[in-house]
Each structure stands twice: as C-alpha cells, then as structure tokens.
Amino acid sequence: MSLRLGMFLRCFLALAAIICILLILPACAGGPYPAPVSASGVSITHVKVPVGSDGLTAEQRNIRDRLVLDNTPGSIKHLYIISLESGDVLLYSTVRVKVTSSGKRLSPTTVGVTDGQYVSAGHMGVPVGIGQNTYFTGEVLQDDGTYGSSAEYIYWFDVRGAYHQQYVTGGMMLHVSDQPIAFPKIIVNLELIAEK
C-alpha cells in the first residue's frame, strides 16, 4: 500500500510541476498581459494607418521624397541662420545639393573584432569591410547610405563649390529650403560677398 501511495505522490507532484510550468511559460515568453490602462481609466487603442495608392503612409512618403530631393544632382538649397533674439538672418548661403552634419560617416564609428574576448558566433553584428578586413558592427547603415548621427556642426558647399562650416549654438535657428525666402534683413550674405 505504501508503495502505491509513494508512486501516486510522485505522479501527482510530476503532474503538478508540469501544470505549473505550462502556466508560467506563457508569462515568461511575453504571453498575454492585460492591456495597459492610464490612471484616468483610458486603455490603449490601435489604429489602422491608411496608405496611399503608392502603398506608403504619409510619413514614409515624406522620408522617401526628402531622400530623393537631398540626393538630386545639381539641386540647390538655401540656408538661413536666424537669430532667435532679433529674428534677423545672421547668415545666408546657397547650398549645393545638401547640408551635412559633422557626425555623419561613410564607415561605422565602432566595430568589434572577429575573434577573441567578448565575441560569440551568431551575435557579432553586421559585417562591414574596412581595408582588407571584415569587422562587425552594431550600427545600421542609414537610408542615405551613411553611418552616424547629427552632431555639433554642419557643413556644406555653396553653388560655387566654396566650403562652409557652421557650429550650431544656443542663440540661432537653422532653416534650409529648396526655395529662396524673402527676409527683411540679412546681416551676412555669402552670395553677395562672393560677387564682390
């Protein structure tokens, strides 16, 4: 009788363990959770975003159109640096094709070695060739074909090919347009300086 009782207890405990595992597993694997609710009682909602006849959302279309405009050979932009204090244009310049941030790069800023400490197969990142070697990076090549991000200064070439560099500080606002804008006062006009 005690042998049967011992077997019954083992089977019962094994079955209870399996049930516990089956109940806990979905929660560990990101299982169903209650929908988030704000303190005011409003719950999350989902929206189906409509797309145009081209299959793109408005945001996707804007990004695509900006990339096309920023990479159209021969295009001209107009850069205005505006004083936040007075509203005057401190500097005006034409821009040949595009303004670029100092943080942009043609190669990633960080790579990992292909062997050695802290490297594990399958988790090395995206392969990138530098010189004759292949390294791995966690950085992703951006839509414009560069790595990096916006940083402390911008640079550009004007329509004559002259190089310009501007550090962005607290008292100014940058505005770039593919059409010229009429401002009542421009303090430094790089186009007029070039003509003289």
N, C-alpha and C. Protein backbone atom coordinates (compact mmCIF):
# COMPACT_ATOMS: atom_id res chain seq x y z
N MET A 1 0.83 -1.20 0.00
CA MET A 1 0.00 0.00 0.00
C MET A 1 0.87 1.26 0.00
N SER A 2 1.93 1.28 0.78
CA SER A 2 2.79 2.47 0.83
C SER A 2 3.55 2.66 -0.47
N LEU A 3 3.82 1.56 -1.19
CA LEU A 3 4.46 1.66 -2.50
C LEU A 3 3.55 2.37 -3.49
N ARG A 4 2.25 2.00 -3.45
CA ARG A 4 1.27 2.65 -4.33
C ARG A 4 1.13 4.13 -3.96
N LEU A 5 1.12 4.41 -2.69
CA LEU A 5 0.98 5.79 -2.24
C LEU A 5 2.19 6.61 -2.66
N GLY A 6 3.37 6.05 -2.57
CA GLY A 6 4.58 6.74 -2.98
C GLY A 6 4.57 7.02 -4.48
N MET A 7 4.14 6.04 -5.29
CA MET A 7 4.05 6.23 -6.73
C MET A 7 3.00 7.28 -7.08
N PHE A 8 1.87 7.24 -6.36
CA PHE A 8 0.82 8.22 -6.59
C PHE A 8 1.32 9.63 -6.29
N LEU A 9 2.05 9.78 -5.19
CA LEU A 9 2.57 11.09 -4.82
C LEU A 9 3.58 11.59 -5.86
N ARG A 10 4.46 10.70 -6.33
CA ARG A 10 5.42 11.09 -7.36
C ARG A 10 4.71 11.53 -8.64
N CYS A 11 3.72 10.77 -9.08
CA CYS A 11 2.97 11.13 -10.29
C CYS A 11 2.22 12.44 -10.09
N PHE A 12 1.63 12.60 -8.90
CA PHE A 12 0.90 13.83 -8.59
C PHE A 12 1.84 15.04 -8.61
N LEU A 13 2.99 14.91 -7.99
CA LEU A 13 3.96 16.00 -7.96
C LEU A 13 4.49 16.31 -9.37
N ALA A 14 4.76 15.29 -10.17
CA ALA A 14 5.23 15.49 -11.53
C ALA A 14 4.16 16.20 -12.36
N LEU A 15 2.90 15.79 -12.21
CA LEU A 15 1.80 16.42 -12.92
C LEU A 15 1.63 17.87 -12.47
N ALA A 16 1.74 18.12 -11.17
CA ALA A 16 1.62 19.48 -10.65
C ALA A 16 2.76 20.35 -11.19
N ALA A 17 3.97 19.79 -11.27
CA ALA A 17 5.10 20.55 -11.81
C ALA A 17 4.89 20.90 -13.28
N ILE A 18 4.37 19.95 -14.04
CA ILE A 18 4.10 20.20 -15.47
C ILE A 18 3.04 21.28 -15.62
N ILE A 19 2.00 21.23 -14.82
CA ILE A 19 0.94 22.26 -14.89
C ILE A 19 1.51 23.63 -14.53
N CYS A 20 2.34 23.69 -13.49
CA CYS A 20 2.96 24.98 -13.11
C CYS A 20 3.82 25.53 -14.24
N ILE A 21 4.60 24.65 -14.86
CA ILE A 21 5.46 25.08 -15.96
C ILE A 21 4.61 25.60 -17.12
N LEU A 22 3.53 24.90 -17.44
CA LEU A 22 2.66 25.34 -18.54
C LEU A 22 1.97 26.66 -18.23
N LEU A 23 1.70 26.93 -16.96
CA LEU A 23 1.08 28.20 -16.59
C LEU A 23 2.09 29.35 -16.57
N ILE A 24 3.33 29.07 -16.17
CA ILE A 24 4.36 30.11 -16.05
C ILE A 24 5.00 30.41 -17.40
N LEU A 25 5.14 29.42 -18.27
CA LEU A 25 5.83 29.57 -19.55
C LEU A 25 5.28 30.71 -20.41
N PRO A 26 3.96 30.82 -20.62
CA PRO A 26 3.49 31.93 -21.46
C PRO A 26 3.87 33.30 -20.90
N ALA A 27 3.86 33.47 -19.59
CA ALA A 27 4.24 34.76 -18.99
C ALA A 27 5.71 35.05 -19.24
N CYS A 28 6.57 34.03 -19.19
CA CYS A 28 7.99 34.23 -19.43
C CYS A 28 8.26 34.54 -20.90
N ALA A 29 7.47 34.01 -21.78
CA ALA A 29 7.68 34.20 -23.21
C ALA A 29 6.93 35.40 -23.75
N GLY A 30 6.57 36.32 -22.89
CA GLY A 30 5.85 37.51 -23.35
C GLY A 30 4.40 37.19 -23.63
N GLY A 31 3.85 36.34 -22.83
CA GLY A 31 2.48 35.88 -23.01
C GLY A 31 1.47 36.99 -22.81
N PRO A 32 0.22 36.61 -22.78
CA PRO A 32 -0.85 37.62 -22.71
C PRO A 32 -0.82 38.37 -21.37
N TYR A 33 -0.79 39.67 -21.48
CA TYR A 33 -0.84 40.54 -20.32
C TYR A 33 -2.07 41.42 -20.46
N PRO A 34 -2.57 41.93 -19.38
CA PRO A 34 -3.70 42.85 -19.53
C PRO A 34 -3.25 44.11 -20.27
N ALA A 35 -4.17 44.67 -21.04
CA ALA A 35 -3.86 45.89 -21.79
C ALA A 35 -3.56 47.01 -20.82
N PRO A 36 -2.57 47.88 -21.13
CA PRO A 36 -2.25 48.98 -20.24
C PRO A 36 -3.43 49.95 -20.12
N VAL A 37 -3.60 50.47 -18.91
CA VAL A 37 -4.68 51.42 -18.63
C VAL A 37 -4.08 52.60 -17.89
N SER A 38 -4.43 53.82 -18.31
CA SER A 38 -3.90 55.02 -17.65
C SER A 38 -4.57 55.21 -16.30
N ALA A 39 -4.03 56.14 -15.51
CA ALA A 39 -4.61 56.42 -14.19
C ALA A 39 -6.04 56.92 -14.31
N SER A 40 -6.38 57.55 -15.45
CA SER A 40 -7.74 58.05 -15.63
C SER A 40 -8.69 56.99 -16.16
N GLY A 41 -8.15 55.77 -16.40
CA GLY A 41 -9.01 54.68 -16.84
C GLY A 41 -9.06 54.48 -18.35
N VAL A 42 -8.27 55.25 -19.10
CA VAL A 42 -8.27 55.11 -20.56
C VAL A 42 -7.34 53.97 -20.95
N SER A 43 -7.83 53.07 -21.80
CA SER A 43 -7.00 51.94 -22.21
C SER A 43 -6.40 52.19 -23.58
N ILE A 44 -5.40 51.38 -23.92
CA ILE A 44 -4.69 51.51 -25.19
C ILE A 44 -5.63 51.27 -26.36
N THR A 45 -5.36 51.91 -27.47
CA THR A 45 -6.15 51.69 -28.68
C THR A 45 -5.21 51.42 -29.84
N HIS A 46 -5.74 50.85 -30.88
CA HIS A 46 -4.95 50.55 -32.07
C HIS A 46 -5.58 51.25 -33.26
N VAL A 47 -4.74 51.75 -34.14
CA VAL A 47 -5.21 52.48 -35.30
C VAL A 47 -4.65 51.84 -36.55
N LYS A 48 -5.49 51.66 -37.55
CA LYS A 48 -5.01 51.18 -38.85
C LYS A 48 -4.66 52.41 -39.67
N VAL A 49 -3.38 52.56 -40.00
CA VAL A 49 -2.91 53.74 -40.72
C VAL A 49 -3.17 53.53 -42.22
N PRO A 50 -3.91 54.45 -42.84
CA PRO A 50 -4.17 54.29 -44.28
C PRO A 50 -2.93 54.59 -45.10
N VAL A 51 -2.82 53.92 -46.24
CA VAL A 51 -1.71 54.17 -47.16
C VAL A 51 -2.27 54.72 -48.46
N GLY A 52 -1.44 55.42 -49.21
CA GLY A 52 -1.85 55.98 -50.48
C GLY A 52 -1.81 54.94 -51.58
N SER A 53 -2.10 55.37 -52.79
CA SER A 53 -2.10 54.46 -53.94
C SER A 53 -0.72 53.88 -54.20
N ASP A 54 0.34 54.55 -53.67
CA ASP A 54 1.70 54.04 -53.82
C ASP A 54 2.07 53.03 -52.74
N GLY A 55 1.14 52.75 -51.82
CA GLY A 55 1.40 51.78 -50.75
C GLY A 55 2.15 52.35 -49.57
N LEU A 56 2.38 53.67 -49.54
CA LEU A 56 3.15 54.31 -48.48
C LEU A 56 2.25 55.14 -47.58
N THR A 57 2.65 55.25 -46.31
CA THR A 57 1.99 56.19 -45.42
C THR A 57 2.54 57.58 -45.72
N ALA A 58 1.90 58.62 -45.19
CA ALA A 58 2.38 59.99 -45.41
C ALA A 58 3.80 60.15 -44.89
N GLU A 59 4.11 59.54 -43.73
CA GLU A 59 5.46 59.65 -43.15
C GLU A 59 6.49 58.97 -44.05
N GLN A 60 6.17 57.78 -44.54
CA GLN A 60 7.09 57.07 -45.44
C GLN A 60 7.31 57.87 -46.72
N ARG A 61 6.26 58.47 -47.26
CA ARG A 61 6.37 59.27 -48.48
C ARG A 61 7.25 60.49 -48.26
N ASN A 62 7.07 61.18 -47.10
CA ASN A 62 7.91 62.34 -46.79
C ASN A 62 9.38 61.95 -46.72
N ILE A 63 9.67 60.84 -46.06
CA ILE A 63 11.06 60.38 -45.93
C ILE A 63 11.62 60.04 -47.31
N ARG A 64 10.85 59.32 -48.11
CA ARG A 64 11.32 58.98 -49.46
C ARG A 64 11.58 60.24 -50.28
N ASP A 65 10.63 61.19 -50.27
CA ASP A 65 10.77 62.41 -51.06
C ASP A 65 11.95 63.26 -50.59
N ARG A 66 12.19 63.30 -49.26
CA ARG A 66 13.34 64.06 -48.76
C ARG A 66 14.65 63.41 -49.23
N LEU A 67 14.74 62.08 -49.18
CA LEU A 67 15.96 61.40 -49.63
C LEU A 67 16.21 61.65 -51.11
N VAL A 68 15.13 61.63 -51.91
CA VAL A 68 15.27 61.90 -53.34
C VAL A 68 15.72 63.34 -53.56
N LEU A 69 15.07 64.30 -52.87
CA LEU A 69 15.42 65.71 -53.03
C LEU A 69 16.85 65.99 -52.56
N ASP A 70 17.24 65.37 -51.43
CA ASP A 70 18.58 65.60 -50.89
C ASP A 70 19.68 64.97 -51.74
N ASN A 71 19.33 64.12 -52.66
CA ASN A 71 20.35 63.45 -53.47
C ASN A 71 20.18 63.69 -54.96
N THR A 72 19.44 64.73 -55.33
CA THR A 72 19.26 65.07 -56.73
C THR A 72 20.47 65.87 -57.20
N PRO A 73 21.27 65.32 -58.10
CA PRO A 73 22.45 66.04 -58.58
C PRO A 73 22.07 67.40 -59.16
N GLY A 74 22.85 68.43 -58.82
CA GLY A 74 22.63 69.76 -59.35
C GLY A 74 21.59 70.58 -58.61
N SER A 75 20.91 69.99 -57.61
CA SER A 75 19.89 70.77 -56.90
C SER A 75 20.55 71.81 -56.00
N ILE A 76 19.82 72.87 -55.73
CA ILE A 76 20.32 73.96 -54.90
C ILE A 76 19.37 74.17 -53.73
N LYS A 77 19.93 74.31 -52.53
CA LYS A 77 19.15 74.64 -51.34
C LYS A 77 19.59 76.03 -50.87
N HIS A 78 18.83 76.58 -49.95
CA HIS A 78 19.12 77.90 -49.39
C HIS A 78 19.16 77.76 -47.88
N LEU A 79 20.26 78.15 -47.26
CA LEU A 79 20.46 78.02 -45.82
C LEU A 79 20.38 79.38 -45.17
N TYR A 80 19.57 79.46 -44.13
CA TYR A 80 19.43 80.70 -43.36
C TYR A 80 19.74 80.39 -41.91
N ILE A 81 20.61 81.18 -41.30
CA ILE A 81 20.86 81.08 -39.87
C ILE A 81 20.20 82.31 -39.24
N ILE A 82 19.18 82.06 -38.43
CA ILE A 82 18.32 83.11 -37.92
C ILE A 82 18.58 83.32 -36.44
N SER A 83 18.70 84.57 -36.01
CA SER A 83 18.87 84.90 -34.60
C SER A 83 17.55 84.69 -33.87
N LEU A 84 17.59 83.92 -32.79
CA LEU A 84 16.38 83.70 -32.00
C LEU A 84 16.00 84.96 -31.23
N GLU A 85 16.96 85.83 -31.02
CA GLU A 85 16.72 87.05 -30.25
C GLU A 85 16.05 88.13 -31.10
N SER A 86 16.62 88.40 -32.28
CA SER A 86 16.11 89.51 -33.10
C SER A 86 15.24 89.06 -34.27
N GLY A 87 15.37 87.82 -34.69
CA GLY A 87 14.66 87.35 -35.87
C GLY A 87 15.38 87.67 -37.16
N ASP A 88 16.51 88.39 -37.08
CA ASP A 88 17.29 88.73 -38.27
C ASP A 88 18.01 87.48 -38.79
N VAL A 89 18.22 87.44 -40.08
CA VAL A 89 19.03 86.39 -40.67
C VAL A 89 20.49 86.78 -40.48
N LEU A 90 21.20 85.98 -39.70
CA LEU A 90 22.61 86.27 -39.42
C LEU A 90 23.49 85.90 -40.61
N LEU A 91 23.10 84.84 -41.34
CA LEU A 91 23.91 84.38 -42.46
C LEU A 91 23.01 83.70 -43.47
N TYR A 92 23.26 83.97 -44.74
CA TYR A 92 22.55 83.31 -45.84
C TYR A 92 23.57 82.70 -46.78
N SER A 93 23.28 81.51 -47.26
CA SER A 93 24.16 80.88 -48.24
C SER A 93 23.35 79.92 -49.10
N THR A 94 23.76 79.80 -50.35
CA THR A 94 23.23 78.72 -51.16
C THR A 94 23.92 77.43 -50.72
N VAL A 95 23.30 76.32 -51.00
CA VAL A 95 23.86 75.01 -50.65
C VAL A 95 23.80 74.14 -51.89
N ARG A 96 24.93 73.59 -52.26
CA ARG A 96 24.97 72.65 -53.38
C ARG A 96 24.45 71.30 -52.89
N VAL A 97 23.32 70.90 -53.31
CA VAL A 97 22.63 69.64 -53.05
C VAL A 97 22.16 69.49 -51.61
N LYS A 98 23.06 69.50 -50.60
CA LYS A 98 22.64 69.12 -49.25
C LYS A 98 23.56 69.66 -48.18
N VAL A 99 22.98 69.97 -47.00
CA VAL A 99 23.74 70.28 -45.78
C VAL A 99 24.04 68.96 -45.09
N THR A 100 25.25 68.81 -44.55
CA THR A 100 25.65 67.57 -43.90
C THR A 100 26.08 67.84 -42.47
N SER A 101 25.73 66.92 -41.58
CA SER A 101 26.11 67.03 -40.17
C SER A 101 27.50 66.47 -39.96
N SER A 102 28.24 67.05 -39.00
CA SER A 102 29.60 66.60 -38.73
C SER A 102 29.65 65.17 -38.20
N GLY A 103 28.56 64.66 -37.69
CA GLY A 103 28.56 63.30 -37.14
C GLY A 103 28.38 62.21 -38.17
N LYS A 104 28.14 62.56 -39.43
CA LYS A 104 27.91 61.56 -40.47
C LYS A 104 29.22 60.95 -40.93
N ARG A 105 29.20 59.65 -41.21
CA ARG A 105 30.39 58.90 -41.59
C ARG A 105 30.09 57.93 -42.72
N LEU A 106 31.12 57.57 -43.48
CA LEU A 106 30.99 56.55 -44.52
C LEU A 106 31.23 55.15 -43.96
N SER A 107 31.80 55.07 -42.78
CA SER A 107 32.01 53.78 -42.12
C SER A 107 31.53 53.92 -40.68
N PRO A 108 31.22 52.80 -40.03
CA PRO A 108 30.72 52.88 -38.66
C PRO A 108 31.79 53.42 -37.71
N THR A 109 31.35 54.03 -36.62
CA THR A 109 32.30 54.57 -35.65
C THR A 109 32.80 53.50 -34.70
N THR A 110 32.09 52.38 -34.57
CA THR A 110 32.52 51.30 -33.69
C THR A 110 32.41 49.96 -34.42
N VAL A 111 33.42 49.12 -34.24
CA VAL A 111 33.39 47.76 -34.77
C VAL A 111 33.95 46.83 -33.72
N GLY A 112 33.61 45.56 -33.84
CA GLY A 112 34.16 44.54 -32.95
C GLY A 112 35.13 43.67 -33.73
N VAL A 113 36.04 43.06 -33.03
CA VAL A 113 36.98 42.15 -33.69
C VAL A 113 36.26 40.86 -34.03
N THR A 114 36.83 40.07 -34.93
CA THR A 114 36.16 38.85 -35.36
C THR A 114 36.45 37.65 -34.48
N ASP A 115 37.45 37.75 -33.62
CA ASP A 115 37.71 36.65 -32.69
C ASP A 115 38.28 37.22 -31.39
N GLY A 116 38.26 36.43 -30.37
CA GLY A 116 38.80 36.88 -29.10
C GLY A 116 37.73 37.11 -28.06
N GLN A 117 38.09 37.82 -27.01
CA GLN A 117 37.21 38.05 -25.89
C GLN A 117 35.96 38.85 -26.31
N TYR A 118 34.84 38.54 -25.73
CA TYR A 118 33.55 39.21 -25.93
C TYR A 118 32.94 38.96 -27.31
N VAL A 119 33.45 38.02 -28.08
CA VAL A 119 32.88 37.72 -29.39
C VAL A 119 32.26 36.34 -29.33
N SER A 120 30.99 36.26 -29.73
CA SER A 120 30.34 34.96 -29.78
C SER A 120 29.70 34.78 -31.15
N ALA A 121 29.81 33.59 -31.71
CA ALA A 121 29.27 33.32 -33.03
C ALA A 121 27.78 33.58 -33.05
N GLY A 122 27.30 34.18 -34.11
CA GLY A 122 25.88 34.44 -34.26
C GLY A 122 25.42 35.76 -33.66
N HIS A 123 26.25 36.40 -32.87
CA HIS A 123 25.86 37.66 -32.23
C HIS A 123 26.92 38.73 -32.46
N MET A 124 27.52 38.73 -33.63
CA MET A 124 28.63 39.65 -33.88
C MET A 124 28.19 40.94 -34.54
N GLY A 125 26.97 41.04 -35.03
CA GLY A 125 26.51 42.25 -35.67
C GLY A 125 26.53 42.17 -37.18
N VAL A 126 26.56 43.32 -37.82
CA VAL A 126 26.52 43.43 -39.27
C VAL A 126 27.95 43.47 -39.81
N PRO A 127 28.29 42.61 -40.79
CA PRO A 127 29.66 42.64 -41.32
C PRO A 127 29.91 43.91 -42.13
N VAL A 128 31.10 44.48 -41.96
CA VAL A 128 31.49 45.67 -42.70
C VAL A 128 32.96 45.53 -43.07
N GLY A 129 33.28 45.82 -44.33
CA GLY A 129 34.65 45.72 -44.79
C GLY A 129 35.39 47.03 -44.58
N ILE A 130 36.52 46.96 -43.91
CA ILE A 130 37.39 48.12 -43.72
C ILE A 130 38.78 47.68 -44.15
N GLY A 131 39.28 48.30 -45.22
CA GLY A 131 40.54 47.83 -45.80
C GLY A 131 40.35 46.42 -46.35
N GLN A 132 41.26 45.54 -46.02
CA GLN A 132 41.17 44.16 -46.48
C GLN A 132 40.49 43.26 -45.44
N ASN A 133 40.03 43.82 -44.33
CA ASN A 133 39.47 43.02 -43.25
C ASN A 133 37.97 43.18 -43.13
N THR A 134 37.32 42.17 -42.59
CA THR A 134 35.89 42.22 -42.30
C THR A 134 35.72 42.31 -40.79
N TYR A 135 34.99 43.33 -40.37
CA TYR A 135 34.68 43.52 -38.96
C TYR A 135 33.17 43.46 -38.79
N PHE A 136 32.71 43.56 -37.57
CA PHE A 136 31.28 43.52 -37.30
C PHE A 136 30.90 44.74 -36.48
N THR A 137 29.74 45.30 -36.81
CA THR A 137 29.28 46.49 -36.10
C THR A 137 27.83 46.33 -35.68
N GLY A 138 27.47 47.00 -34.61
CA GLY A 138 26.08 47.04 -34.18
C GLY A 138 25.34 48.19 -34.82
N GLU A 139 26.06 49.05 -35.57
CA GLU A 139 25.42 50.18 -36.23
C GLU A 139 24.75 49.74 -37.52
N VAL A 140 23.70 50.43 -37.89
CA VAL A 140 22.96 50.09 -39.10
C VAL A 140 23.19 51.17 -40.15
N LEU A 141 23.44 50.76 -41.37
CA LEU A 141 23.59 51.71 -42.48
C LEU A 141 22.26 52.43 -42.67
N GLN A 142 22.28 53.75 -42.65
CA GLN A 142 21.05 54.52 -42.72
C GLN A 142 20.55 54.65 -44.15
N ASP A 143 19.33 55.17 -44.30
CA ASP A 143 18.70 55.28 -45.61
C ASP A 143 19.53 56.08 -46.61
N ASP A 144 20.31 57.04 -46.12
CA ASP A 144 21.10 57.86 -47.04
C ASP A 144 22.47 57.25 -47.32
N GLY A 145 22.72 56.02 -46.86
CA GLY A 145 23.96 55.33 -47.14
C GLY A 145 25.11 55.71 -46.23
N THR A 146 24.81 56.35 -45.07
CA THR A 146 25.85 56.75 -44.14
C THR A 146 25.60 56.16 -42.77
N TYR A 147 26.62 56.26 -41.93
CA TYR A 147 26.53 55.91 -40.52
C TYR A 147 26.57 57.21 -39.71
N GLY A 148 26.30 57.12 -38.43
CA GLY A 148 26.46 58.28 -37.56
C GLY A 148 25.16 59.03 -37.34
N SER A 149 25.30 60.21 -36.74
CA SER A 149 24.12 61.00 -36.39
C SER A 149 24.45 62.48 -36.46
N SER A 150 23.43 63.30 -36.23
CA SER A 150 23.64 64.74 -36.21
C SER A 150 24.53 65.10 -35.03
N ALA A 151 25.35 66.13 -35.22
CA ALA A 151 26.30 66.48 -34.16
C ALA A 151 26.45 67.98 -34.07
N GLU A 152 27.59 68.42 -33.55
CA GLU A 152 27.76 69.80 -33.12
C GLU A 152 27.87 70.83 -34.25
N TYR A 153 28.22 70.44 -35.45
CA TYR A 153 28.27 71.44 -36.52
C TYR A 153 27.78 70.83 -37.83
N ILE A 154 27.44 71.71 -38.76
CA ILE A 154 27.03 71.29 -40.10
C ILE A 154 28.04 71.86 -41.09
N TYR A 155 28.08 71.27 -42.27
CA TYR A 155 28.93 71.82 -43.32
C TYR A 155 28.24 71.65 -44.66
N TRP A 156 28.64 72.48 -45.62
CA TRP A 156 28.05 72.43 -46.94
C TRP A 156 28.97 73.10 -47.94
N PHE A 157 28.68 72.88 -49.21
CA PHE A 157 29.36 73.55 -50.31
C PHE A 157 28.32 74.41 -51.01
N ASP A 158 28.68 75.67 -51.28
CA ASP A 158 27.71 76.53 -51.97
C ASP A 158 27.75 76.25 -53.47
N VAL A 159 26.94 76.99 -54.24
CA VAL A 159 26.85 76.71 -55.68
C VAL A 159 28.15 76.96 -56.43
N ARG A 160 29.06 77.74 -55.85
CA ARG A 160 30.36 77.96 -56.48
C ARG A 160 31.37 76.89 -56.07
N GLY A 161 30.97 76.00 -55.13
CA GLY A 161 31.88 74.96 -54.65
C GLY A 161 32.65 75.36 -53.42
N ALA A 162 32.40 76.56 -52.87
CA ALA A 162 33.10 77.00 -51.66
C ALA A 162 32.58 76.24 -50.45
N TYR A 163 33.49 75.82 -49.59
CA TYR A 163 33.15 75.05 -48.40
C TYR A 163 32.78 75.99 -47.26
N HIS A 164 31.72 75.64 -46.50
CA HIS A 164 31.29 76.40 -45.33
C HIS A 164 31.04 75.43 -44.18
N GLN A 165 31.32 75.89 -42.97
CA GLN A 165 31.11 75.08 -41.77
C GLN A 165 30.51 75.98 -40.70
N GLN A 166 29.47 75.51 -40.02
CA GLN A 166 28.80 76.33 -39.01
C GLN A 166 28.56 75.50 -37.75
N TYR A 167 29.03 76.00 -36.62
CA TYR A 167 28.74 75.37 -35.34
C TYR A 167 27.37 75.84 -34.88
N VAL A 168 26.54 74.92 -34.45
CA VAL A 168 25.18 75.24 -34.01
C VAL A 168 25.22 75.53 -32.52
N THR A 169 24.85 76.77 -32.14
CA THR A 169 24.87 77.16 -30.73
C THR A 169 23.48 77.58 -30.30
N GLY A 170 23.37 78.00 -29.04
CA GLY A 170 22.08 78.28 -28.44
C GLY A 170 21.27 79.42 -28.99
N GLY A 171 21.85 80.45 -29.56
CA GLY A 171 21.06 81.61 -29.95
C GLY A 171 20.61 81.63 -31.39
N MET A 172 20.69 80.50 -32.09
CA MET A 172 20.37 80.51 -33.51
C MET A 172 19.45 79.37 -33.90
N MET A 173 18.79 79.56 -35.02
CA MET A 173 17.93 78.54 -35.61
C MET A 173 18.36 78.38 -37.06
N LEU A 174 18.46 77.15 -37.52
CA LEU A 174 18.81 76.88 -38.91
C LEU A 174 17.55 76.60 -39.71
N HIS A 175 17.52 77.11 -40.91
CA HIS A 175 16.41 76.80 -41.81
C HIS A 175 16.99 76.53 -43.18
N VAL A 176 16.64 75.38 -43.76
CA VAL A 176 17.11 75.01 -45.09
C VAL A 176 15.88 74.79 -45.96
N SER A 177 15.89 75.37 -47.16
CA SER A 177 14.76 75.25 -48.06
C SER A 177 15.26 75.04 -49.48
N ASP A 178 14.44 74.41 -50.31
CA ASP A 178 14.83 74.30 -51.72
C ASP A 178 14.33 75.50 -52.52
N GLN A 179 13.71 76.46 -51.85
CA GLN A 179 13.26 77.71 -52.48
C GLN A 179 13.79 78.88 -51.66
N PRO A 180 14.21 79.98 -52.32
CA PRO A 180 14.67 81.15 -51.56
C PRO A 180 13.51 81.78 -50.79
N ILE A 181 13.81 82.40 -49.66
CA ILE A 181 12.81 83.04 -48.82
C ILE A 181 13.18 84.51 -48.68
N ALA A 182 12.17 85.38 -48.73
CA ALA A 182 12.42 86.82 -48.60
C ALA A 182 12.43 87.20 -47.13
N PHE A 183 13.59 87.63 -46.63
CA PHE A 183 13.72 88.13 -45.27
C PHE A 183 14.00 89.63 -45.34
N PRO A 184 13.47 90.42 -44.40
CA PRO A 184 13.71 91.87 -44.47
C PRO A 184 15.16 92.26 -44.21
N LYS A 185 15.89 91.44 -43.47
CA LYS A 185 17.26 91.83 -43.12
C LYS A 185 18.16 90.59 -43.10
N ILE A 186 19.24 90.64 -43.87
CA ILE A 186 20.26 89.59 -43.86
C ILE A 186 21.58 90.26 -43.54
N ILE A 187 22.20 89.87 -42.44
CA ILE A 187 23.43 90.52 -41.99
C ILE A 187 24.63 90.09 -42.82
N VAL A 188 24.84 88.79 -43.00
CA VAL A 188 25.95 88.29 -43.81
C VAL A 188 25.37 87.45 -44.95
N ASN A 189 25.51 87.95 -46.18
CA ASN A 189 25.04 87.25 -47.35
C ASN A 189 26.27 86.73 -48.09
N LEU A 190 26.54 85.44 -47.97
CA LEU A 190 27.74 84.86 -48.58
C LEU A 190 27.69 84.95 -50.10
N GLU A 191 26.53 85.06 -50.69
CA GLU A 191 26.43 85.18 -52.14
C GLU A 191 26.89 86.55 -52.61
N LEU A 192 26.54 87.59 -51.87
CA LEU A 192 26.99 88.95 -52.22
C LEU A 192 28.48 89.13 -52.00
N ILE A 193 29.01 88.51 -50.95
CA ILE A 193 30.45 88.57 -50.67
C ILE A 193 31.23 87.94 -51.82
N ALA A 194 30.73 86.84 -52.33
CA ALA A 194 31.42 86.14 -53.42
C ALA A 194 31.41 86.97 -54.69
N GLU A 195 30.32 87.72 -54.94
CA GLU A 195 30.23 88.53 -56.15
C GLU A 195 31.25 89.67 -56.14
N LYS A 196 31.53 90.25 -54.95
CA LYS A 196 32.47 91.35 -54.85
C LYS A 196 33.89 90.84 -55.04
